[in-house]
Amino acid sequence: MTFPGLDRIEALARNLDGWQRELAGKMAELEDSSAEGVSDSGLVRVTASADGTIVSTDVNARAMRFDSYTLAEEFTAAAKRAQEAAAARVRELVGEVMADAPGADQPHPDRY
């Protein structure tokens, strides 16, 4: 007697080790990745890690001519852009992993 879906389960099991290695590689890449955001003036640069944590800032000396309100806006814009870029990179890497997941190209049996 054969069971429905047994072939698919066996194929998934065969591919699981390779997928886990690929996933570990992508996770390491993700942990090492960062993204930069630059303010409108280009005088403030902020770098964010993959989880959105601000890891560094760079302020051009000319930015010190700004009033405090403008300088704060410059930092906020640069930080937001860095965090958005970091999040986009995370989505990209996760998308790559999910596209290569065992059975990703197989339709789900409960879906039409």
Protein backbone atom coordinates (compact mmCIF):
# COMPACT_ATOMS: atom_id res chain seq x y z
CA MET A 1 0.00 0.00 0.00
CA THR A 2 1.33 3.46 -0.86
CA PHE A 3 0.51 6.57 1.06
CA PRO A 4 -0.37 9.83 -0.68
CA GLY A 5 2.37 12.38 -0.30
CA LEU A 6 5.03 9.85 0.75
CA ASP A 7 7.18 10.66 -2.29
CA ARG A 8 7.01 14.34 -1.42
CA ILE A 9 8.01 13.67 2.19
CA GLU A 10 10.97 11.57 1.04
CA ALA A 11 12.08 14.32 -1.36
CA LEU A 12 11.80 16.91 1.39
CA ALA A 13 13.90 14.77 3.73
CA ARG A 14 16.61 14.37 1.06
CA ASN A 15 16.76 18.11 0.45
CA LEU A 16 16.57 19.18 4.08
CA ASP A 17 20.29 18.92 4.88
CA GLY A 18 21.32 21.09 1.94
CA TRP A 19 18.61 23.61 2.72
CA GLN A 20 19.71 23.79 6.36
CA ARG A 21 23.30 24.50 5.26
CA GLU A 22 22.07 27.21 2.90
CA LEU A 23 19.91 28.67 5.65
CA ALA A 24 22.87 28.75 8.05
CA GLY A 25 24.94 30.55 5.41
CA LYS A 26 22.21 33.12 4.80
CA MET A 27 21.80 33.66 8.55
CA ALA A 28 25.54 34.32 8.87
CA GLU A 29 25.33 36.71 5.93
CA LEU A 30 22.39 38.41 7.56
CA GLU A 31 24.18 38.82 10.89
CA ASP A 32 27.14 40.40 9.12
CA SER A 33 25.06 42.71 6.94
CA SER A 34 24.39 46.37 7.51
CA ALA A 35 22.89 49.22 5.52
CA GLU A 36 23.58 52.90 5.25
CA GLY A 37 21.19 55.82 5.18
CA VAL A 38 22.12 59.34 4.14
CA SER A 39 20.32 62.56 5.00
CA ASP A 40 18.94 64.89 2.34
CA SER A 41 21.94 67.17 2.62
CA GLY A 42 24.35 64.24 2.42
CA LEU A 43 26.08 65.50 5.55
CA VAL A 44 24.79 62.85 7.95
CA ARG A 45 25.30 59.12 7.39
CA VAL A 46 23.92 56.40 9.62
CA THR A 47 24.60 52.67 9.48
CA ALA A 48 22.08 50.14 10.80
CA SER A 49 22.51 46.42 11.41
CA ALA A 50 20.09 43.83 10.05
CA ASP A 51 17.90 44.12 13.15
CA GLY A 52 17.65 47.90 12.74
CA THR A 53 20.07 48.80 15.51
CA ILE A 54 22.05 51.95 14.73
CA VAL A 55 25.70 50.90 14.76
CA SER A 56 27.46 54.03 13.58
CA THR A 57 26.97 57.62 12.53
CA ASP A 58 29.10 60.01 10.55
CA VAL A 59 28.55 63.74 10.65
CA ASN A 60 30.32 66.02 8.23
CA ALA A 61 31.70 69.10 9.97
CA ARG A 62 29.56 71.31 7.71
CA ALA A 63 26.44 69.80 9.33
CA MET A 64 27.39 71.55 12.56
CA ARG A 65 26.25 74.80 10.93
CA PHE A 66 22.66 73.55 11.08
CA ASP A 67 20.42 74.61 13.94
CA SER A 68 19.58 71.81 16.37
CA TYR A 69 16.13 71.18 14.85
CA THR A 70 17.55 70.74 11.34
CA LEU A 71 20.40 68.57 12.57
CA ALA A 72 17.91 66.35 14.40
CA GLU A 73 15.84 66.03 11.20
CA GLU A 74 18.99 65.07 9.30
CA PHE A 75 19.79 62.33 11.83
CA THR A 76 16.22 61.06 11.83
CA ALA A 77 16.05 60.90 8.03
CA ALA A 78 19.40 59.14 7.75
CA ALA A 79 18.51 56.65 10.49
CA LYS A 80 15.13 55.88 8.96
CA ARG A 81 16.70 55.27 5.56
CA ALA A 82 19.37 53.01 7.08
CA GLN A 83 16.75 50.98 8.93
CA GLU A 84 14.54 50.71 5.84
CA ALA A 85 17.51 49.55 3.76
CA ALA A 86 18.45 46.99 6.43
CA ALA A 87 14.88 45.68 6.51
CA ALA A 88 14.84 45.42 2.72
CA ARG A 89 18.03 43.37 2.84
CA VAL A 90 16.49 41.06 5.43
CA ARG A 91 13.41 40.59 3.21
CA GLU A 92 15.66 39.88 0.23
CA LEU A 93 17.69 37.23 2.06
CA VAL A 94 14.62 35.60 3.60
CA GLY A 95 12.97 35.56 0.17
CA GLU A 96 16.00 33.80 -1.30
CA VAL A 97 15.95 31.17 1.43
CA MET A 98 12.22 30.60 1.16
CA ALA A 99 12.37 30.32 -2.63
CA ASP A 100 14.97 27.57 -2.24
CA ALA A 101 13.14 25.78 0.58
CA PRO A 102 12.35 22.14 -0.07
CA GLY A 103 8.91 21.93 -1.58
CA ALA A 104 8.68 25.68 -2.23
CA ASP A 105 7.83 24.99 -5.85
CA GLN A 106 5.17 22.46 -4.89
CA PRO A 107 1.59 23.66 -4.49
CA HIS A 108 0.15 23.14 -1.04
CA PRO A 109 -2.40 20.28 -1.16
CA ASP A 110 -5.01 22.34 0.71
CA ARG A 111 -4.76 25.27 -1.69
CA TYR A 112 -6.53 25.59 -5.00
